[in-house]
Amino acid sequence: MGGRQGQTVTETSRAERTAAGLKAAARRLLTRKSYADIRITDTTEEAGRAAGSFYRYFTDKDDLLRALVADFESAVSGQVEDMLGGPDHGLADREDVRKHVEAYWTSYRTHHAEMSGLFQAAAVSEEFRAIHLRLREHQVDVWTAHLAQNDPAPADPRLAALGVVCLLEYFCYELMHYGEPAPDDRAAIAALTDLVARGVLGG
């Protein structure tokens, strides 16, 4: 029995490593190519695996992207809260704005591959559009709550929050996906902070 258990654990570990290798390969490809142009064989070649091995873990490339987005969702909330110093944070001054902008930029930078793939897939897939909108809506909820507490608050905090989130999202996507050379983190965060602070704080 012990031998069979050990074999099962070994096989499970090997399977997990293979699936993780395929996801890592897909993430690398998504930083170099558009989602539409990536084939399953591109992913297996990038991972150094036989083409048929892909189907032991994923039904198609959309299934792989779902797995990447799920990994992103499970990781990002805790990371962002840590960067902001815990749950009790707001937008009282320019430094608060900078922290929020830096957290968004850093999170997007870390998960650039998943975010780019999801953004591109959302243009042609209702399923991924719904996922994309759900993730954006979470960000809008957070910014709405902060903006509603400001004095003075925007006339429509939710509409203002949507504007801020769309600015952050498209700015990050454009610079990270198309930027040549690669964008400088400090310069990008400073530019975003200036724009957002002027909008939500009036200066």
N, C-alpha and C. Protein backbone atom coordinates (compact mmCIF):
# COMPACT_ATOMS: atom_id res chain seq x y z
N MET A 1 0.84 -1.20 0.00
CA MET A 1 0.00 0.00 0.00
C MET A 1 0.87 1.25 0.00
N GLY A 2 1.95 1.24 0.88
CA GLY A 2 2.83 2.40 0.95
C GLY A 2 3.45 2.71 -0.39
N GLY A 3 3.87 1.65 -1.12
CA GLY A 3 4.48 1.86 -2.42
C GLY A 3 3.51 2.49 -3.39
N ARG A 4 2.24 2.02 -3.39
CA ARG A 4 1.24 2.57 -4.31
C ARG A 4 0.95 4.02 -3.95
N GLN A 5 0.91 4.32 -2.64
CA GLN A 5 0.67 5.70 -2.22
C GLN A 5 1.80 6.60 -2.69
N GLY A 6 3.03 6.13 -2.51
CA GLY A 6 4.18 6.91 -2.94
C GLY A 6 4.16 7.17 -4.43
N GLN A 7 3.76 6.15 -5.17
CA GLN A 7 3.69 6.30 -6.62
C GLN A 7 2.63 7.33 -6.99
N THR A 8 1.49 7.29 -6.29
CA THR A 8 0.42 8.24 -6.58
C THR A 8 0.88 9.67 -6.30
N VAL A 9 1.56 9.86 -5.16
CA VAL A 9 2.07 11.19 -4.82
C VAL A 9 3.06 11.66 -5.88
N THR A 10 3.94 10.75 -6.30
CA THR A 10 4.93 11.10 -7.32
C THR A 10 4.27 11.47 -8.62
N GLU A 11 3.26 10.69 -9.03
CA GLU A 11 2.56 10.97 -10.28
C GLU A 11 1.81 12.30 -10.19
N THR A 12 1.21 12.57 -9.01
CA THR A 12 0.50 13.83 -8.83
C THR A 12 1.46 15.00 -8.92
N SER A 13 2.61 14.87 -8.27
CA SER A 13 3.61 15.93 -8.30
C SER A 13 4.10 16.18 -9.73
N ARG A 14 4.30 15.09 -10.47
CA ARG A 14 4.76 15.22 -11.85
C ARG A 14 3.69 15.91 -12.69
N ALA A 15 2.44 15.55 -12.47
CA ALA A 15 1.35 16.17 -13.22
C ALA A 15 1.25 17.65 -12.90
N GLU A 16 1.39 17.99 -11.61
CA GLU A 16 1.34 19.40 -11.20
C GLU A 16 2.47 20.18 -11.83
N ARG A 17 3.65 19.59 -11.89
CA ARG A 17 4.79 20.28 -12.50
C ARG A 17 4.58 20.49 -13.99
N THR A 18 3.99 19.48 -14.64
CA THR A 18 3.74 19.60 -16.08
C THR A 18 2.70 20.69 -16.35
N ALA A 19 1.62 20.69 -15.58
CA ALA A 19 0.58 21.72 -15.76
C ALA A 19 1.17 23.10 -15.48
N ALA A 20 1.98 23.19 -14.44
CA ALA A 20 2.61 24.48 -14.10
C ALA A 20 3.56 24.92 -15.21
N GLY A 21 4.25 23.96 -15.81
CA GLY A 21 5.15 24.28 -16.91
C GLY A 21 4.42 24.79 -18.13
N LEU A 22 3.27 24.21 -18.41
CA LEU A 22 2.46 24.67 -19.54
C LEU A 22 1.92 26.08 -19.28
N LYS A 23 1.50 26.34 -18.05
CA LYS A 23 1.00 27.68 -17.72
C LYS A 23 2.13 28.71 -17.81
N ALA A 24 3.30 28.33 -17.32
CA ALA A 24 4.43 29.26 -17.39
C ALA A 24 4.81 29.55 -18.85
N ALA A 25 4.74 28.52 -19.69
CA ALA A 25 5.03 28.71 -21.11
C ALA A 25 4.02 29.64 -21.75
N ALA A 26 2.74 29.45 -21.41
CA ALA A 26 1.69 30.32 -21.96
C ALA A 26 1.89 31.76 -21.52
N ARG A 27 2.29 31.95 -20.27
CA ARG A 27 2.54 33.32 -19.78
C ARG A 27 3.68 33.97 -20.56
N ARG A 28 4.72 33.22 -20.83
CA ARG A 28 5.84 33.80 -21.60
C ARG A 28 5.38 34.17 -23.00
N LEU A 29 4.61 33.30 -23.62
CA LEU A 29 4.14 33.57 -24.97
C LEU A 29 3.23 34.80 -25.01
N LEU A 30 2.40 34.97 -23.99
CA LEU A 30 1.46 36.09 -23.97
C LEU A 30 2.16 37.44 -23.84
N THR A 31 3.40 37.45 -23.41
CA THR A 31 4.16 38.70 -23.37
C THR A 31 4.82 39.00 -24.72
N ARG A 32 4.79 38.01 -25.63
CA ARG A 32 5.46 38.20 -26.92
C ARG A 32 4.49 38.19 -28.10
N LYS A 33 3.34 37.52 -27.93
CA LYS A 33 2.40 37.35 -29.04
C LYS A 33 0.98 37.66 -28.57
N SER A 34 0.10 37.89 -29.53
CA SER A 34 -1.30 38.09 -29.17
C SER A 34 -1.94 36.74 -28.87
N TYR A 35 -3.00 36.78 -28.06
CA TYR A 35 -3.67 35.54 -27.68
C TYR A 35 -4.19 34.79 -28.90
N ALA A 36 -4.72 35.52 -29.86
CA ALA A 36 -5.29 34.89 -31.06
C ALA A 36 -4.23 34.14 -31.86
N ASP A 37 -2.99 34.59 -31.78
CA ASP A 37 -1.92 33.99 -32.59
C ASP A 37 -1.22 32.82 -31.90
N ILE A 38 -1.53 32.58 -30.66
CA ILE A 38 -0.86 31.50 -29.93
C ILE A 38 -1.60 30.19 -30.15
N ARG A 39 -0.89 29.19 -30.65
CA ARG A 39 -1.48 27.86 -30.86
C ARG A 39 -1.08 26.94 -29.71
N ILE A 40 -1.82 25.89 -29.56
CA ILE A 40 -1.50 24.91 -28.51
C ILE A 40 -0.09 24.36 -28.72
N THR A 41 0.28 24.11 -29.98
CA THR A 41 1.62 23.58 -30.24
C THR A 41 2.70 24.60 -29.88
N ASP A 42 2.39 25.90 -29.99
CA ASP A 42 3.35 26.91 -29.54
C ASP A 42 3.61 26.75 -28.04
N THR A 43 2.53 26.51 -27.30
CA THR A 43 2.65 26.38 -25.85
C THR A 43 3.45 25.14 -25.47
N THR A 44 3.15 24.01 -26.10
CA THR A 44 3.87 22.79 -25.76
C THR A 44 5.34 22.87 -26.17
N GLU A 45 5.61 23.49 -27.31
CA GLU A 45 7.00 23.66 -27.73
C GLU A 45 7.75 24.57 -26.75
N GLU A 46 7.09 25.66 -26.33
CA GLU A 46 7.71 26.57 -25.38
C GLU A 46 8.00 25.87 -24.05
N ALA A 47 7.11 24.94 -23.69
CA ALA A 47 7.28 24.21 -22.43
C ALA A 47 8.20 23.00 -22.57
N GLY A 48 8.58 22.67 -23.79
CA GLY A 48 9.43 21.50 -24.01
C GLY A 48 8.69 20.19 -23.81
N ARG A 49 7.39 20.18 -24.18
CA ARG A 49 6.55 19.00 -24.00
C ARG A 49 6.00 18.53 -25.35
N ALA A 50 5.61 17.25 -25.38
CA ALA A 50 4.96 16.72 -26.57
C ALA A 50 3.59 17.37 -26.73
N ALA A 51 3.16 17.57 -27.97
CA ALA A 51 1.90 18.26 -28.24
C ALA A 51 0.72 17.60 -27.54
N GLY A 52 0.69 16.28 -27.52
CA GLY A 52 -0.44 15.57 -26.92
C GLY A 52 -0.53 15.72 -25.42
N SER A 53 0.56 16.10 -24.76
CA SER A 53 0.54 16.22 -23.30
C SER A 53 -0.40 17.33 -22.85
N PHE A 54 -0.62 18.32 -23.68
CA PHE A 54 -1.47 19.46 -23.32
C PHE A 54 -2.85 19.00 -22.89
N TYR A 55 -3.41 18.03 -23.61
CA TYR A 55 -4.81 17.63 -23.40
C TYR A 55 -5.02 16.78 -22.15
N ARG A 56 -3.96 16.42 -21.48
CA ARG A 56 -4.11 15.74 -20.20
C ARG A 56 -4.49 16.73 -19.10
N TYR A 57 -4.27 18.02 -19.36
CA TYR A 57 -4.47 19.02 -18.31
C TYR A 57 -5.48 20.11 -18.70
N PHE A 58 -5.61 20.38 -20.00
CA PHE A 58 -6.51 21.44 -20.47
C PHE A 58 -7.24 20.98 -21.72
N THR A 59 -8.49 21.40 -21.84
CA THR A 59 -9.27 20.97 -23.00
C THR A 59 -8.91 21.76 -24.26
N ASP A 60 -8.56 23.01 -24.10
CA ASP A 60 -8.16 23.87 -25.21
C ASP A 60 -7.44 25.08 -24.65
N LYS A 61 -7.06 26.01 -25.51
CA LYS A 61 -6.27 27.14 -25.00
C LYS A 61 -7.13 28.08 -24.16
N ASP A 62 -8.44 28.13 -24.40
CA ASP A 62 -9.31 28.93 -23.54
C ASP A 62 -9.31 28.37 -22.11
N ASP A 63 -9.28 27.06 -22.00
CA ASP A 63 -9.25 26.42 -20.69
C ASP A 63 -7.96 26.78 -19.96
N LEU A 64 -6.86 26.85 -20.70
CA LEU A 64 -5.58 27.25 -20.11
C LEU A 64 -5.64 28.70 -19.64
N LEU A 65 -6.26 29.58 -20.45
CA LEU A 65 -6.38 30.97 -20.04
C LEU A 65 -7.26 31.10 -18.79
N ARG A 66 -8.32 30.30 -18.70
CA ARG A 66 -9.16 30.31 -17.49
C ARG A 66 -8.32 29.98 -16.27
N ALA A 67 -7.44 28.99 -16.41
CA ALA A 67 -6.60 28.58 -15.29
C ALA A 67 -5.64 29.71 -14.90
N LEU A 68 -5.08 30.40 -15.89
CA LEU A 68 -4.19 31.51 -15.61
C LEU A 68 -4.91 32.64 -14.87
N VAL A 69 -6.12 32.94 -15.32
CA VAL A 69 -6.90 34.01 -14.68
C VAL A 69 -7.28 33.62 -13.26
N ALA A 70 -7.62 32.35 -13.06
CA ALA A 70 -7.95 31.87 -11.71
C ALA A 70 -6.74 32.01 -10.78
N ASP A 71 -5.56 31.67 -11.27
CA ASP A 71 -4.33 31.84 -10.48
C ASP A 71 -4.13 33.31 -10.14
N PHE A 72 -4.36 34.17 -11.13
CA PHE A 72 -4.21 35.61 -10.92
C PHE A 72 -5.17 36.11 -9.83
N GLU A 73 -6.43 35.69 -9.91
CA GLU A 73 -7.42 36.15 -8.95
C GLU A 73 -7.08 35.72 -7.53
N SER A 74 -6.58 34.51 -7.38
CA SER A 74 -6.27 34.00 -6.04
C SER A 74 -5.05 34.69 -5.44
N ALA A 75 -4.19 35.22 -6.31
CA ALA A 75 -2.95 35.84 -5.82
C ALA A 75 -3.06 37.34 -5.61
N VAL A 76 -3.83 38.01 -6.45
CA VAL A 76 -3.70 39.46 -6.53
C VAL A 76 -4.31 40.21 -5.35
N SER A 77 -5.42 39.75 -4.79
CA SER A 77 -6.08 40.53 -3.75
C SER A 77 -5.19 40.70 -2.53
N GLY A 78 -4.56 39.61 -2.09
CA GLY A 78 -3.66 39.70 -0.95
C GLY A 78 -2.44 40.54 -1.25
N GLN A 79 -1.91 40.45 -2.47
CA GLN A 79 -0.74 41.24 -2.85
C GLN A 79 -1.04 42.73 -2.79
N VAL A 80 -2.19 43.11 -3.35
CA VAL A 80 -2.55 44.53 -3.38
C VAL A 80 -2.76 45.07 -1.98
N GLU A 81 -3.46 44.31 -1.13
CA GLU A 81 -3.70 44.77 0.24
C GLU A 81 -2.39 44.94 0.99
N ASP A 82 -1.44 44.01 0.77
CA ASP A 82 -0.13 44.13 1.42
C ASP A 82 0.58 45.41 0.96
N MET A 83 0.50 45.72 -0.34
CA MET A 83 1.16 46.90 -0.86
C MET A 83 0.55 48.18 -0.31
N LEU A 84 -0.75 48.13 0.01
CA LEU A 84 -1.44 49.31 0.54
C LEU A 84 -1.36 49.40 2.06
N GLY A 85 -0.75 48.40 2.68
CA GLY A 85 -0.56 48.46 4.12
C GLY A 85 -1.74 47.98 4.93
N GLY A 86 -2.57 47.10 4.36
CA GLY A 86 -3.70 46.56 5.10
C GLY A 86 -5.03 47.09 4.59
N PRO A 87 -6.13 46.66 5.21
CA PRO A 87 -7.46 46.99 4.70
C PRO A 87 -7.89 48.43 4.95
N ASP A 88 -7.28 49.11 5.93
CA ASP A 88 -7.70 50.47 6.28
C ASP A 88 -6.89 51.49 5.48
N HIS A 89 -7.36 51.76 4.27
CA HIS A 89 -6.66 52.74 3.44
C HIS A 89 -7.70 53.55 2.66
N GLY A 90 -7.31 54.73 2.26
CA GLY A 90 -8.24 55.60 1.54
C GLY A 90 -7.51 56.44 0.51
N LEU A 91 -8.11 57.58 0.15
CA LEU A 91 -7.53 58.48 -0.84
C LEU A 91 -7.53 59.91 -0.32
N ALA A 92 -7.01 60.09 0.88
CA ALA A 92 -7.09 61.39 1.53
C ALA A 92 -6.12 62.41 0.93
N ASP A 93 -4.99 61.93 0.40
CA ASP A 93 -4.00 62.88 -0.13
C ASP A 93 -3.25 62.25 -1.30
N ARG A 94 -2.30 63.01 -1.83
CA ARG A 94 -1.56 62.58 -3.01
C ARG A 94 -0.78 61.29 -2.76
N GLU A 95 -0.23 61.14 -1.56
CA GLU A 95 0.53 59.93 -1.24
C GLU A 95 -0.38 58.70 -1.25
N ASP A 96 -1.61 58.85 -0.77
CA ASP A 96 -2.57 57.75 -0.85
C ASP A 96 -2.82 57.36 -2.30
N VAL A 97 -2.98 58.38 -3.15
CA VAL A 97 -3.20 58.11 -4.57
C VAL A 97 -2.01 57.38 -5.16
N ARG A 98 -0.80 57.85 -4.81
CA ARG A 98 0.40 57.20 -5.35
C ARG A 98 0.46 55.73 -4.95
N LYS A 99 0.12 55.44 -3.69
CA LYS A 99 0.15 54.04 -3.23
C LYS A 99 -0.83 53.18 -4.02
N HIS A 100 -2.02 53.71 -4.26
CA HIS A 100 -3.01 52.95 -5.02
C HIS A 100 -2.57 52.75 -6.47
N VAL A 101 -2.03 53.79 -7.06
CA VAL A 101 -1.54 53.69 -8.43
C VAL A 101 -0.38 52.70 -8.52
N GLU A 102 0.54 52.78 -7.56
CA GLU A 102 1.68 51.86 -7.56
C GLU A 102 1.23 50.42 -7.37
N ALA A 103 0.24 50.21 -6.50
CA ALA A 103 -0.27 48.85 -6.29
C ALA A 103 -0.88 48.31 -7.57
N TYR A 104 -1.65 49.15 -8.28
CA TYR A 104 -2.28 48.70 -9.53
C TYR A 104 -1.20 48.40 -10.56
N TRP A 105 -0.25 49.32 -10.74
CA TRP A 105 0.80 49.14 -11.73
C TRP A 105 1.62 47.89 -11.44
N THR A 106 2.02 47.72 -10.19
CA THR A 106 2.86 46.57 -9.82
C THR A 106 2.12 45.26 -10.02
N SER A 107 0.85 45.24 -9.64
CA SER A 107 0.04 44.04 -9.83
C SER A 107 -0.10 43.71 -11.31
N TYR A 108 -0.37 44.74 -12.12
CA TYR A 108 -0.51 44.53 -13.56
C TYR A 108 0.81 44.07 -14.16
N ARG A 109 1.90 44.68 -13.70
CA ARG A 109 3.22 44.29 -14.21
C ARG A 109 3.50 42.82 -13.89
N THR A 110 3.21 42.41 -12.66
CA THR A 110 3.46 41.04 -12.25
C THR A 110 2.63 40.05 -13.06
N HIS A 111 1.39 40.44 -13.37
CA HIS A 111 0.45 39.55 -14.06
C HIS A 111 0.12 40.06 -15.46
N HIS A 112 1.10 40.70 -16.07
CA HIS A 112 0.91 41.29 -17.39
C HIS A 112 0.41 40.27 -18.41
N ALA A 113 0.97 39.07 -18.38
CA ALA A 113 0.61 38.05 -19.36
C ALA A 113 -0.87 37.69 -19.27
N GLU A 114 -1.34 37.41 -18.05
CA GLU A 114 -2.75 37.04 -17.87
C GLU A 114 -3.68 38.18 -18.25
N MET A 115 -3.32 39.40 -17.82
CA MET A 115 -4.17 40.55 -18.09
C MET A 115 -4.25 40.85 -19.59
N SER A 116 -3.12 40.74 -20.29
CA SER A 116 -3.12 40.97 -21.73
C SER A 116 -3.94 39.90 -22.45
N GLY A 117 -3.73 38.64 -22.06
CA GLY A 117 -4.49 37.56 -22.69
C GLY A 117 -5.98 37.71 -22.46
N LEU A 118 -6.36 38.06 -21.24
CA LEU A 118 -7.78 38.23 -20.93
C LEU A 118 -8.36 39.41 -21.69
N PHE A 119 -7.64 40.52 -21.75
CA PHE A 119 -8.10 41.71 -22.46
C PHE A 119 -8.35 41.38 -23.93
N GLN A 120 -7.43 40.65 -24.54
CA GLN A 120 -7.56 40.31 -25.95
C GLN A 120 -8.68 39.30 -26.19
N ALA A 121 -8.78 38.31 -25.31
CA ALA A 121 -9.83 37.29 -25.46
C ALA A 121 -11.21 37.90 -25.26
N ALA A 122 -11.30 38.91 -24.39
CA ALA A 122 -12.59 39.54 -24.11
C ALA A 122 -13.17 40.24 -25.33
N ALA A 123 -12.32 40.59 -26.29
CA ALA A 123 -12.79 41.27 -27.50
C ALA A 123 -13.58 40.34 -28.41
N VAL A 124 -13.39 39.03 -28.25
CA VAL A 124 -14.05 38.09 -29.17
C VAL A 124 -14.86 37.01 -28.45
N SER A 125 -14.83 37.01 -27.12
CA SER A 125 -15.50 35.96 -26.36
C SER A 125 -16.38 36.57 -25.28
N GLU A 126 -17.66 36.22 -25.29
CA GLU A 126 -18.58 36.71 -24.26
C GLU A 126 -18.16 36.21 -22.87
N GLU A 127 -17.68 34.96 -22.81
CA GLU A 127 -17.25 34.41 -21.52
C GLU A 127 -16.13 35.24 -20.93
N PHE A 128 -15.09 35.51 -21.73
CA PHE A 128 -13.96 36.26 -21.20
C PHE A 128 -14.29 37.73 -21.01
N ARG A 129 -15.20 38.25 -21.80
CA ARG A 129 -15.65 39.62 -21.56
C ARG A 129 -16.32 39.73 -20.20
N ALA A 130 -17.13 38.73 -19.86
CA ALA A 130 -17.79 38.74 -18.55
C ALA A 130 -16.77 38.66 -17.42
N ILE A 131 -15.73 37.84 -17.59
CA ILE A 131 -14.68 37.74 -16.57
C ILE A 131 -13.95 39.07 -16.44
N HIS A 132 -13.62 39.64 -17.60
CA HIS A 132 -12.91 40.92 -17.61
C HIS A 132 -13.73 42.01 -16.91
N LEU A 133 -15.01 42.09 -17.21
CA LEU A 133 -15.87 43.09 -16.59
C LEU A 133 -16.02 42.85 -15.09
N ARG A 134 -16.05 41.58 -14.69
CA ARG A 134 -16.16 41.27 -13.26
C ARG A 134 -14.92 41.75 -12.51
N LEU A 135 -13.74 41.52 -13.08
CA LEU A 135 -12.51 41.98 -12.45
C LEU A 135 -12.45 43.50 -12.40
N ARG A 136 -12.88 44.14 -13.49
CA ARG A 136 -12.89 45.60 -13.50
C ARG A 136 -13.88 46.13 -12.48
N GLU A 137 -15.04 45.49 -12.38
CA GLU A 137 -16.08 45.95 -11.46
C GLU A 137 -15.58 45.93 -10.02
N HIS A 138 -14.76 44.95 -9.69
CA HIS A 138 -14.20 44.90 -8.34
C HIS A 138 -13.35 46.13 -8.08
N GLN A 139 -12.51 46.49 -9.05
CA GLN A 139 -11.68 47.68 -8.91
C GLN A 139 -12.55 48.94 -8.79
N VAL A 140 -13.60 49.00 -9.59
CA VAL A 140 -14.50 50.16 -9.55
C VAL A 140 -15.15 50.27 -8.18
N ASP A 141 -15.55 49.14 -7.60
CA ASP A 141 -16.15 49.14 -6.26
C ASP A 141 -15.19 49.74 -5.23
N VAL A 142 -13.93 49.33 -5.31
CA VAL A 142 -12.93 49.81 -4.35
C VAL A 142 -12.74 51.32 -4.48
N TRP A 143 -12.54 51.79 -5.72
CA TRP A 143 -12.33 53.22 -5.94
C TRP A 143 -13.59 54.02 -5.61
N THR A 144 -14.76 53.49 -5.89
CA THR A 144 -16.00 54.18 -5.56
C THR A 144 -16.11 54.43 -4.07
N ALA A 145 -15.82 53.40 -3.28
CA ALA A 145 -15.89 53.52 -1.82
C ALA A 145 -14.93 54.60 -1.32
N HIS A 146 -13.72 54.64 -1.88
CA HIS A 146 -12.75 55.65 -1.48
C HIS A 146 -13.21 57.06 -1.87
N LEU A 147 -13.63 57.21 -3.12
CA LEU A 147 -13.99 58.53 -3.63
C LEU A 147 -15.22 59.09 -2.92
N ALA A 148 -16.14 58.21 -2.54
CA ALA A 148 -17.35 58.65 -1.85
C ALA A 148 -17.03 59.25 -0.49
N GLN A 149 -15.88 58.89 0.09
CA GLN A 149 -15.50 59.39 1.41
C GLN A 149 -14.69 60.68 1.34
N ASN A 150 -14.26 61.05 0.13
CA ASN A 150 -13.46 62.26 0.00
C ASN A 150 -14.31 63.51 0.24
N ASP A 151 -13.64 64.59 0.59
CA ASP A 151 -14.33 65.86 0.81
C ASP A 151 -13.59 66.95 0.03
N PRO A 152 -14.17 67.43 -1.08
CA PRO A 152 -15.51 67.05 -1.57
C PRO A 152 -15.47 65.75 -2.37
N ALA A 153 -16.56 65.03 -2.34
CA ALA A 153 -16.68 63.81 -3.14
C ALA A 153 -17.13 64.17 -4.55
N PRO A 154 -16.78 63.36 -5.55
CA PRO A 154 -17.28 63.62 -6.90
C PRO A 154 -18.80 63.57 -6.92
N ALA A 155 -19.41 64.27 -7.87
CA ALA A 155 -20.86 64.27 -7.98
C ALA A 155 -21.39 62.86 -8.18
N ASP A 156 -20.66 62.04 -8.93
CA ASP A 156 -21.02 60.63 -9.15
C ASP A 156 -19.78 59.79 -8.88
N PRO A 157 -19.56 59.35 -7.64
CA PRO A 157 -18.34 58.62 -7.30
C PRO A 157 -18.12 57.38 -8.15
N ARG A 158 -19.19 56.67 -8.49
CA ARG A 158 -19.02 55.44 -9.28
C ARG A 158 -18.56 55.76 -10.70
N LEU A 159 -19.12 56.77 -11.30
CA LEU A 159 -18.71 57.15 -12.65
C LEU A 159 -17.26 57.64 -12.65
N ALA A 160 -16.90 58.40 -11.63
CA ALA A 160 -15.52 58.85 -11.51
C ALA A 160 -14.58 57.66 -11.31
N ALA A 161 -15.00 56.70 -10.49
CA ALA A 161 -14.19 55.51 -10.25
C ALA A 161 -13.98 54.71 -11.53
N LEU A 162 -15.03 54.60 -12.34
CA LEU A 162 -14.90 53.89 -13.61
C LEU A 162 -13.87 54.59 -14.50
N GLY A 163 -13.91 55.92 -14.52
CA GLY A 163 -12.93 56.66 -15.32
C GLY A 163 -11.51 56.40 -14.86
N VAL A 164 -11.29 56.39 -13.55
CA VAL A 164 -9.95 56.14 -13.01
C VAL A 164 -9.48 54.73 -13.36
N VAL A 165 -10.34 53.75 -13.15
CA VAL A 165 -9.95 52.36 -13.40
C VAL A 165 -9.66 52.13 -14.89
N CYS A 166 -10.49 52.69 -15.77
CA CYS A 166 -10.23 52.54 -17.21
C CYS A 166 -8.91 53.21 -17.60
N LEU A 167 -8.64 54.38 -17.01
CA LEU A 167 -7.36 55.04 -17.27
C LEU A 167 -6.20 54.14 -16.86
N LEU A 168 -6.25 53.60 -15.65
CA LEU A 168 -5.18 52.73 -15.17
C LEU A 168 -5.02 51.50 -16.05
N GLU A 169 -6.15 50.88 -16.36
CA GLU A 169 -6.12 49.63 -17.13
C GLU A 169 -5.53 49.83 -18.51
N TYR A 170 -6.01 50.82 -19.25
CA TYR A 170 -5.54 51.00 -20.63
C TYR A 170 -4.12 51.55 -20.67
N PHE A 171 -3.78 52.39 -19.72
CA PHE A 171 -2.42 52.90 -19.63
C PHE A 171 -1.45 51.74 -19.44
N CYS A 172 -1.76 50.87 -18.48
CA CYS A 172 -0.89 49.71 -18.21
C CYS A 172 -0.81 48.80 -19.43
N TYR A 173 -1.94 48.52 -20.05
CA TYR A 173 -1.95 47.62 -21.20
C TYR A 173 -1.11 48.18 -22.34
N GLU A 174 -1.32 49.45 -22.67
CA GLU A 174 -0.61 50.05 -23.80
C GLU A 174 0.90 50.06 -23.56
N LEU A 175 1.31 50.48 -22.37
CA LEU A 175 2.75 50.57 -22.12
C LEU A 175 3.41 49.22 -22.00
N MET A 176 2.74 48.28 -21.34
CA MET A 176 3.38 46.99 -21.12
C MET A 176 3.29 46.07 -22.34
N HIS A 177 2.22 46.20 -23.11
CA HIS A 177 2.07 45.31 -24.26
C HIS A 177 2.74 45.87 -25.51
N TYR A 178 2.70 47.18 -25.68
CA TYR A 178 3.23 47.79 -26.90
C TYR A 178 4.45 48.66 -26.66
N GLY A 179 4.75 48.97 -25.40
CA GLY A 179 5.82 49.92 -25.10
C GLY A 179 7.17 49.45 -25.59
N GLU A 180 7.86 50.29 -26.35
CA GLU A 180 9.22 50.03 -26.81
C GLU A 180 10.03 51.31 -26.62
N PRO A 181 11.04 51.30 -25.79
CA PRO A 181 11.48 50.19 -24.93
C PRO A 181 10.52 49.97 -23.77
N ALA A 182 10.80 48.98 -22.96
CA ALA A 182 9.93 48.67 -21.83
C ALA A 182 9.78 49.90 -20.95
N PRO A 183 8.57 50.17 -20.45
CA PRO A 183 8.33 51.37 -19.66
C PRO A 183 9.09 51.38 -18.35
N ASP A 184 9.52 52.57 -17.93
CA ASP A 184 10.18 52.75 -16.65
C ASP A 184 9.11 52.82 -15.55
N ASP A 185 9.21 51.95 -14.56
CA ASP A 185 8.18 51.87 -13.53
C ASP A 185 7.97 53.20 -12.81
N ARG A 186 9.06 53.81 -12.37
CA ARG A 186 8.92 55.04 -11.58
C ARG A 186 8.30 56.16 -12.39
N ALA A 187 8.71 56.30 -13.65
CA ALA A 187 8.16 57.35 -14.51
C ALA A 187 6.68 57.11 -14.78
N ALA A 188 6.31 55.86 -15.03
CA ALA A 188 4.92 55.53 -15.31
C ALA A 188 4.04 55.78 -14.08
N ILE A 189 4.51 55.36 -12.91
CA ILE A 189 3.74 55.56 -11.68
C ILE A 189 3.59 57.06 -11.38
N ALA A 190 4.66 57.82 -11.60
CA ALA A 190 4.60 59.27 -11.36
C ALA A 190 3.61 59.94 -12.30
N ALA A 191 3.61 59.55 -13.58
CA ALA A 191 2.69 60.15 -14.54
C ALA A 191 1.24 59.81 -14.19
N LEU A 192 1.00 58.57 -13.85
CA LEU A 192 -0.36 58.15 -13.47
C LEU A 192 -0.81 58.85 -12.19
N THR A 193 0.10 58.93 -11.22
CA THR A 193 -0.24 59.59 -9.96
C THR A 193 -0.64 61.03 -10.20
N ASP A 194 0.11 61.73 -11.04
CA ASP A 194 -0.20 63.13 -11.33
C ASP A 194 -1.58 63.28 -11.95
N LEU A 195 -1.89 62.43 -12.92
CA LEU A 195 -3.20 62.48 -13.58
C LEU A 195 -4.35 62.18 -12.62
N VAL A 196 -4.20 61.10 -11.88
CA VAL A 196 -5.29 60.68 -10.99
C VAL A 196 -5.45 61.65 -9.83
N ALA A 197 -4.33 62.11 -9.26
CA ALA A 197 -4.42 63.04 -8.13
C ALA A 197 -5.10 64.33 -8.54
N ARG A 198 -4.77 64.84 -9.71
CA ARG A 198 -5.43 66.06 -10.19
C ARG A 198 -6.92 65.85 -10.37
N GLY A 199 -7.29 64.65 -10.79
CA GLY A 199 -8.70 64.37 -11.04
C GLY A 199 -9.50 64.16 -9.75
N VAL A 200 -8.93 63.43 -8.80
CA VAL A 200 -9.73 63.07 -7.62
C VAL A 200 -9.49 64.00 -6.43
N LEU A 201 -8.34 64.72 -6.45
CA LEU A 201 -8.06 65.62 -5.33
C LEU A 201 -8.08 67.09 -5.74
N GLY A 202 -8.08 67.30 -7.07
CA GLY A 202 -8.07 68.67 -7.55
C GLY A 202 -6.70 69.31 -7.53
N GLY A 203 -5.66 68.46 -7.58
CA GLY A 203 -4.32 69.03 -7.60
C GLY A 203 -3.27 68.04 -7.21
